Amino acid sequence: MKRRTHIACGMVAGILMLTLWIAALAYMGSLGWPETSPDFILSFYDFFAVLIGTLLIGVAFLLFIWLVEEKIE
């Protein structure tokens, strides 16, 4: 794969992960996390589940682009 493609894939995946991360934080904030949440432990685990899910989506996206690029070449 070319260097430009690596940079483009990284930028797109980074923007995707950042957007999902901001959306997840906004959603958790709308639920009142962490100050007003009655069940702090559950919301704490939800927060890290969102983080891990976001990272997995980014990695899956990079892998998909890499596989498509390999098929094209």
PDB file of N, CA and C in Angstrom:
ATOM      1  N   MET A   1       0.832  -1.171   0.000  1.00  0.00           N
ATOM      2  CA  MET A   1       0.000   0.000   0.000  1.00  0.00           C
ATOM      3  C   MET A   1       0.884   1.245   0.000  1.00  0.00           C
ATOM      4  N   LYS A   2       0.426   2.251  -0.678  1.00  0.00           N
ATOM      5  CA  LYS A   2       1.222   3.479  -0.775  1.00  0.00           C
ATOM      6  C   LYS A   2       1.161   4.280   0.524  1.00  0.00           C
ATOM      7  N   ARG A   3       2.175   5.121   0.689  1.00  0.00           N
ATOM      8  CA  ARG A   3       2.252   5.947   1.902  1.00  0.00           C
ATOM      9  C   ARG A   3       1.073   6.914   1.994  1.00  0.00           C
ATOM     10  N   ARG A   4       0.664   7.466   0.864  1.00  0.00           N
ATOM     11  CA  ARG A   4      -0.483   8.381   0.864  1.00  0.00           C
ATOM     12  C   ARG A   4      -1.757   7.682   1.339  1.00  0.00           C
ATOM     13  N   THR A   5      -1.921   6.447   0.926  1.00  0.00           N
ATOM     14  CA  THR A   5      -3.104   5.692   1.343  1.00  0.00           C
ATOM     15  C   THR A   5      -3.073   5.436   2.840  1.00  0.00           C
ATOM     16  N   HIS A   6      -1.903   5.123   3.377  1.00  0.00           N
ATOM     17  CA  HIS A   6      -1.764   4.931   4.825  1.00  0.00           C
ATOM     18  C   HIS A   6      -2.172   6.196   5.568  1.00  0.00           C
ATOM     19  N   ILE A   7      -1.683   7.329   5.105  1.00  0.00           N
ATOM     20  CA  ILE A   7      -1.991   8.596   5.765  1.00  0.00           C
ATOM     21  C   ILE A   7      -3.486   8.893   5.665  1.00  0.00           C
ATOM     22  N   ALA A   8      -4.064   8.679   4.494  1.00  0.00           N
ATOM     23  CA  ALA A   8      -5.493   8.946   4.309  1.00  0.00           C
ATOM     24  C   ALA A   8      -6.339   8.032   5.192  1.00  0.00           C
ATOM     25  N   CYS A   9      -5.992   6.749   5.238  1.00  0.00           N
ATOM     26  CA  CYS A   9      -6.739   5.797   6.077  1.00  0.00           C
ATOM     27  C   CYS A   9      -6.642   6.196   7.545  1.00  0.00           C
ATOM     28  N   GLY A  10      -5.454   6.570   7.968  1.00  0.00           N
ATOM     29  CA  GLY A  10      -5.269   6.977   9.359  1.00  0.00           C
ATOM     30  C   GLY A  10      -6.064   8.224   9.700  1.00  0.00           C
ATOM     31  N   MET A  11      -6.086   9.186   8.775  1.00  0.00           N
ATOM     32  CA  MET A  11      -6.828  10.412   9.026  1.00  0.00           C
ATOM     33  C   MET A  11      -8.328  10.148   9.089  1.00  0.00           C
ATOM     34  N   VAL A  12      -8.841   9.358   8.164  1.00  0.00           N
ATOM     35  CA  VAL A  12     -10.274   9.061   8.152  1.00  0.00           C
ATOM     36  C   VAL A  12     -10.666   8.281   9.400  1.00  0.00           C
ATOM     37  N   ALA A  13      -9.869   7.277   9.759  1.00  0.00           N
ATOM     38  CA  ALA A  13     -10.176   6.493  10.951  1.00  0.00           C
ATOM     39  C   ALA A  13     -10.074   7.354  12.208  1.00  0.00           C
ATOM     40  N   GLY A  14      -9.094   8.241  12.255  1.00  0.00           N
ATOM     41  CA  GLY A  14      -8.952   9.131  13.402  1.00  0.00           C
ATOM     42  C   GLY A  14     -10.134  10.073  13.539  1.00  0.00           C
ATOM     43  N   ILE A  15     -10.578  10.638  12.424  1.00  0.00           N
ATOM     44  CA  ILE A  15     -11.735  11.531  12.451  1.00  0.00           C
ATOM     45  C   ILE A  15     -12.986  10.767  12.865  1.00  0.00           C
ATOM     46  N   LEU A  16     -13.148   9.548  12.345  1.00  0.00           N
ATOM     47  CA  LEU A  16     -14.290   8.721  12.713  1.00  0.00           C
ATOM     48  C   LEU A  16     -14.282   8.414  14.205  1.00  0.00           C
ATOM     49  N   MET A  17     -13.136   8.005  14.743  1.00  0.00           N
ATOM     50  CA  MET A  17     -13.050   7.676  16.162  1.00  0.00           C
ATOM     51  C   MET A  17     -13.281   8.916  17.023  1.00  0.00           C
ATOM     52  N   LEU A  18     -12.726  10.053  16.620  1.00  0.00           N
ATOM     53  CA  LEU A  18     -12.913  11.278  17.391  1.00  0.00           C
ATOM     54  C   LEU A  18     -14.379  11.700  17.398  1.00  0.00           C
ATOM     55  N   THR A  19     -15.042  11.598  16.248  1.00  0.00           N
ATOM     56  CA  THR A  19     -16.452  11.954  16.164  1.00  0.00           C
ATOM     57  C   THR A  19     -17.301  11.042  17.039  1.00  0.00           C
ATOM     58  N   LEU A  20     -17.038   9.745  16.967  1.00  0.00           N
ATOM     59  CA  LEU A  20     -17.795   8.808  17.799  1.00  0.00           C
ATOM     60  C   LEU A  20     -17.511   9.032  19.276  1.00  0.00           C
ATOM     61  N   TRP A  21     -16.282   9.352  19.603  1.00  0.00           N
ATOM     62  CA  TRP A  21     -15.897   9.601  20.999  1.00  0.00           C
ATOM     63  C   TRP A  21     -16.624  10.832  21.538  1.00  0.00           C
ATOM     64  N   ILE A  22     -16.683  11.900  20.750  1.00  0.00           N
ATOM     65  CA  ILE A  22     -17.382  13.118  21.178  1.00  0.00           C
ATOM     66  C   ILE A  22     -18.878  12.837  21.320  1.00  0.00           C
ATOM     67  N   ALA A  23     -19.438  12.085  20.376  1.00  0.00           N
ATOM     68  CA  ALA A  23     -20.855  11.738  20.471  1.00  0.00           C
ATOM     69  C   ALA A  23     -21.130  10.882  21.705  1.00  0.00           C
ATOM     70  N   ALA A  24     -20.233   9.960  22.000  1.00  0.00           N
ATOM     71  CA  ALA A  24     -20.403   9.105  23.178  1.00  0.00           C
ATOM     72  C   ALA A  24     -20.317   9.923  24.457  1.00  0.00           C
ATOM     73  N   LEU A  25     -19.366  10.867  24.514  1.00  0.00           N
ATOM     74  CA  LEU A  25     -19.250  11.723  25.695  1.00  0.00           C
ATOM     75  C   LEU A  25     -20.491  12.608  25.858  1.00  0.00           C
ATOM     76  N   ALA A  26     -21.016  13.119  24.743  1.00  0.00           N
ATOM     77  CA  ALA A  26     -22.220  13.943  24.810  1.00  0.00           C
ATOM     78  C   ALA A  26     -23.407  13.115  25.300  1.00  0.00           C
ATOM     79  N   TYR A  27     -23.493  11.875  24.824  1.00  0.00           N
ATOM     80  CA  TYR A  27     -24.576  10.997  25.261  1.00  0.00           C
ATOM     81  C   TYR A  27     -24.453  10.676  26.746  1.00  0.00           C
ATOM     82  N   MET A  28     -23.223  10.354  27.189  1.00  0.00           N
ATOM     83  CA  MET A  28     -23.024  10.062  28.606  1.00  0.00           C
ATOM     84  C   MET A  28     -23.307  11.312  29.446  1.00  0.00           C
ATOM     85  N   GLY A  29     -22.949  12.481  28.935  1.00  0.00           N
ATOM     86  CA  GLY A  29     -23.230  13.719  29.652  1.00  0.00           C
ATOM     87  C   GLY A  29     -24.723  13.988  29.758  1.00  0.00           C
ATOM     88  N   SER A  30     -25.468  13.636  28.707  1.00  0.00           N
ATOM     89  CA  SER A  30     -26.916  13.837  28.758  1.00  0.00           C
ATOM     90  C   SER A  30     -27.568  12.903  29.773  1.00  0.00           C
ATOM     91  N   LEU A  31     -26.910  11.794  30.079  1.00  0.00           N
ATOM     92  CA  LEU A  31     -27.405  10.889  31.115  1.00  0.00           C
ATOM     93  C   LEU A  31     -27.004  11.358  32.505  1.00  0.00           C
ATOM     94  N   GLY A  32     -26.148  12.381  32.564  1.00  0.00           N
ATOM     95  CA  GLY A  32     -25.720  12.919  33.838  1.00  0.00           C
ATOM     96  C   GLY A  32     -24.448  12.279  34.357  1.00  0.00           C
ATOM     97  N   TRP A  33     -23.660  11.698  33.475  1.00  0.00           N
ATOM     98  CA  TRP A  33     -22.443  11.013  33.922  1.00  0.00           C
ATOM     99  C   TRP A  33     -21.375  12.039  34.240  1.00  0.00           C
ATOM    100  N   PRO A  34     -20.574  11.903  35.245  1.00  0.00           N
ATOM    101  CA  PRO A  34     -20.712  10.933  36.335  1.00  0.00           C
ATOM    102  C   PRO A  34     -21.374  11.521  37.585  1.00  0.00           C
ATOM    103  N   GLU A  35     -21.587  12.855  37.632  1.00  0.00           N
ATOM    104  CA  GLU A  35     -21.985  13.502  38.888  1.00  0.00           C
ATOM    105  C   GLU A  35     -23.359  13.060  39.379  1.00  0.00           C
ATOM    106  N   THR A  36     -24.345  13.070  38.494  1.00  0.00           N
ATOM    107  CA  THR A  36     -25.714  12.854  38.941  1.00  0.00           C
ATOM    108  C   THR A  36     -26.201  11.434  38.725  1.00  0.00           C
ATOM    109  N   SER A  37     -25.328  10.561  38.267  1.00  0.00           N
ATOM    110  CA  SER A  37     -25.763   9.190  38.000  1.00  0.00           C
ATOM    111  C   SER A  37     -25.910   8.414  39.306  1.00  0.00           C
ATOM    112  N   PRO A  38     -27.062   7.817  39.546  1.00  0.00           N
ATOM    113  CA  PRO A  38     -27.242   7.058  40.784  1.00  0.00           C
ATOM    114  C   PRO A  38     -26.425   5.767  40.800  1.00  0.00           C
ATOM    115  N   ASP A  39     -26.159   5.240  39.607  1.00  0.00           N
ATOM    116  CA  ASP A  39     -25.411   3.986  39.525  1.00  0.00           C
ATOM    117  C   ASP A  39     -24.071   4.283  38.856  1.00  0.00           C
ATOM    118  N   PHE A  40     -23.123   4.805  39.631  1.00  0.00           N
ATOM    119  CA  PHE A  40     -21.854   5.285  39.077  1.00  0.00           C
ATOM    120  C   PHE A  40     -21.057   4.164  38.433  1.00  0.00           C
ATOM    121  N   ILE A  41     -21.021   2.984  39.068  1.00  0.00           N
ATOM    122  CA  ILE A  41     -20.193   1.886  38.565  1.00  0.00           C
ATOM    123  C   ILE A  41     -20.680   1.444  37.188  1.00  0.00           C
ATOM    124  N   LEU A  42     -21.978   1.318  37.024  1.00  0.00           N
ATOM    125  CA  LEU A  42     -22.519   0.898  35.730  1.00  0.00           C
ATOM    126  C   LEU A  42     -22.183   1.928  34.655  1.00  0.00           C
ATOM    127  N   SER A  43     -22.368   3.203  34.958  1.00  0.00           N
ATOM    128  CA  SER A  43     -22.085   4.221  33.950  1.00  0.00           C
ATOM    129  C   SER A  43     -20.580   4.298  33.669  1.00  0.00           C
ATOM    130  N   PHE A  44     -19.758   3.995  34.687  1.00  0.00           N
ATOM    131  CA  PHE A  44     -18.309   3.977  34.495  1.00  0.00           C
ATOM    132  C   PHE A  44     -17.934   2.880  33.505  1.00  0.00           C
ATOM    133  N   TYR A  45     -18.536   1.696  33.649  1.00  0.00           N
ATOM    134  CA  TYR A  45     -18.259   0.617  32.707  1.00  0.00           C
ATOM    135  C   TYR A  45     -18.840   0.919  31.334  1.00  0.00           C
ATOM    136  N   ASP A  46     -19.989   1.574  31.283  1.00  0.00           N
ATOM    137  CA  ASP A  46     -20.547   1.989  29.996  1.00  0.00           C
ATOM    138  C   ASP A  46     -19.598   2.929  29.271  1.00  0.00           C
ATOM    139  N   PHE A  47     -18.977   3.823  30.016  1.00  0.00           N
ATOM    140  CA  PHE A  47     -18.028   4.778  29.448  1.00  0.00           C
ATOM    141  C   PHE A  47     -16.867   4.042  28.776  1.00  0.00           C
ATOM    142  N   PHE A  48     -16.301   3.052  29.452  1.00  0.00           N
ATOM    143  CA  PHE A  48     -15.179   2.313  28.861  1.00  0.00           C
ATOM    144  C   PHE A  48     -15.641   1.363  27.758  1.00  0.00           C
ATOM    145  N   ALA A  49     -16.874   0.892  27.839  1.00  0.00           N
ATOM    146  CA  ALA A  49     -17.410   0.073  26.749  1.00  0.00           C
ATOM    147  C   ALA A  49     -17.533   0.911  25.479  1.00  0.00           C
ATOM    148  N   VAL A  50     -17.956   2.146  25.633  1.00  0.00           N
ATOM    149  CA  VAL A  50     -18.041   3.049  24.481  1.00  0.00           C
ATOM    150  C   VAL A  50     -16.651   3.324  23.920  1.00  0.00           C
ATOM    151  N   LEU A  51     -15.676   3.543  24.806  1.00  0.00           N
ATOM    152  CA  LEU A  51     -14.297   3.790  24.359  1.00  0.00           C
ATOM    153  C   LEU A  51     -13.761   2.598  23.576  1.00  0.00           C
ATOM    154  N   ILE A  52     -13.904   1.396  24.114  1.00  0.00           N
ATOM    155  CA  ILE A  52     -13.400   0.195  23.444  1.00  0.00           C
ATOM    156  C   ILE A  52     -14.147  -0.047  22.142  1.00  0.00           C
ATOM    157  N   GLY A  53     -15.450   0.158  22.156  1.00  0.00           N
ATOM    158  CA  GLY A  53     -16.238  -0.002  20.932  1.00  0.00           C
ATOM    159  C   GLY A  53     -15.803   0.961  19.845  1.00  0.00           C
ATOM    160  N   THR A  54     -15.524   2.192  20.237  1.00  0.00           N
ATOM    161  CA  THR A  54     -15.061   3.189  19.270  1.00  0.00           C
ATOM    162  C   THR A  54     -13.723   2.786  18.664  1.00  0.00           C
ATOM    163  N   LEU A  55     -12.813   2.329  19.501  1.00  0.00           N
ATOM    164  CA  LEU A  55     -11.506   1.892  18.999  1.00  0.00           C
ATOM    165  C   LEU A  55     -11.652   0.690  18.069  1.00  0.00           C
ATOM    166  N   LEU A  56     -12.529  -0.247  18.419  1.00  0.00           N
ATOM    167  CA  LEU A  56     -12.738  -1.420  17.558  1.00  0.00           C
ATOM    168  C   LEU A  56     -13.335  -1.030  16.212  1.00  0.00           C
ATOM    169  N   ILE A  57     -14.252  -0.062  16.214  1.00  0.00           N
ATOM    170  CA  ILE A  57     -14.825   0.408  14.950  1.00  0.00           C
ATOM    171  C   ILE A  57     -13.726   1.031  14.085  1.00  0.00           C
ATOM    172  N   GLY A  58     -12.848   1.830  14.714  1.00  0.00           N
ATOM    173  CA  GLY A  58     -11.747   2.436  13.963  1.00  0.00           C
ATOM    174  C   GLY A  58     -10.806   1.406  13.377  1.00  0.00           C
ATOM    175  N   VAL A  59     -10.463   0.393  14.162  1.00  0.00           N
ATOM    176  CA  VAL A  59      -9.564  -0.669  13.685  1.00  0.00           C
ATOM    177  C   VAL A  59     -10.233  -1.463  12.567  1.00  0.00           C
ATOM    178  N   ALA A  60     -11.520  -1.763  12.723  1.00  0.00           N
ATOM    179  CA  ALA A  60     -12.243  -2.498  11.681  1.00  0.00           C
ATOM    180  C   ALA A  60     -12.292  -1.686  10.388  1.00  0.00           C
ATOM    181  N   PHE A  61     -12.475  -0.387  10.515  1.00  0.00           N
ATOM    182  CA  PHE A  61     -12.498   0.485   9.338  1.00  0.00           C
ATOM    183  C   PHE A  61     -11.155   0.469   8.625  1.00  0.00           C
ATOM    184  N   LEU A  62     -10.069   0.586   9.396  1.00  0.00           N
ATOM    185  CA  LEU A  62      -8.733   0.530   8.790  1.00  0.00           C
ATOM    186  C   LEU A  62      -8.480  -0.809   8.111  1.00  0.00           C
ATOM    187  N   LEU A  63      -8.886  -1.891   8.755  1.00  0.00           N
ATOM    188  CA  LEU A  63      -8.705  -3.221   8.176  1.00  0.00           C
ATOM    189  C   LEU A  63      -9.499  -3.362   6.878  1.00  0.00           C
ATOM    190  N   PHE A  64     -10.728  -2.856   6.870  1.00  0.00           N
ATOM    191  CA  PHE A  64     -11.561  -2.916   5.668  1.00  0.00           C
ATOM    192  C   PHE A  64     -10.901  -2.163   4.516  1.00  0.00           C
ATOM    193  N   ILE A  65     -10.418  -0.953   4.777  1.00  0.00           N
ATOM    194  CA  ILE A  65      -9.769  -0.174   3.716  1.00  0.00           C
ATOM    195  C   ILE A  65      -8.499  -0.879   3.241  1.00  0.00           C
ATOM    196  N   TRP A  66      -7.754  -1.459   4.177  1.00  0.00           N
ATOM    197  CA  TRP A  66      -6.536  -2.170   3.804  1.00  0.00           C
ATOM    198  C   TRP A  66      -6.862  -3.363   2.905  1.00  0.00           C
ATOM    199  N   LEU A  67      -7.907  -4.131   3.236  1.00  0.00           N
ATOM    200  CA  LEU A  67      -8.288  -5.280   2.413  1.00  0.00           C
ATOM    201  C   LEU A  67      -8.762  -4.846   1.033  1.00  0.00           C
ATOM    202  N   VAL A  68      -9.541  -3.775   0.968  1.00  0.00           N
ATOM    203  CA  VAL A  68     -10.000  -3.267  -0.323  1.00  0.00           C
ATOM    204  C   VAL A  68      -8.810  -2.812  -1.160  1.00  0.00           C
ATOM    205  N   GLU A  69      -7.864  -2.134  -0.524  1.00  0.00           N
ATOM    206  CA  GLU A  69      -6.671  -1.656  -1.229  1.00  0.00           C
ATOM    207  C   GLU A  69      -5.840  -2.835  -1.751  1.00  0.00           C
ATOM    208  N   GLU A  70      -5.736  -3.902  -0.986  1.00  0.00           N
ATOM    209  CA  GLU A  70      -4.984  -5.081  -1.423  1.00  0.00           C
ATOM    210  C   GLU A  70      -5.653  -5.735  -2.634  1.00  0.00           C
ATOM    211  N   LYS A  71      -6.982  -5.751  -2.660  1.00  0.00           N
ATOM    212  CA  LYS A  71      -7.704  -6.351  -3.793  1.00  0.00           C
ATOM    213  C   LYS A  71      -7.541  -5.512  -5.054  1.00  0.00           C
ATOM    214  N   ILE A  72      -7.458  -4.190  -4.888  1.00  0.00           N
ATOM    215  CA  ILE A  72      -7.315  -3.309  -6.050  1.00  0.00           C
ATOM    216  C   ILE A  72      -5.942  -3.493  -6.689  1.00  0.00           C
ATOM    217  N   GLU A  73      -4.903  -3.643  -5.857  1.00  0.00           N
ATOM    218  CA  GLU A  73      -3.537  -3.767  -6.387  1.00  0.00           C
ATOM    219  C   GLU A  73      -3.267  -5.108  -6.927  1.00  0.00           C
TER     220      GLU A  73
END
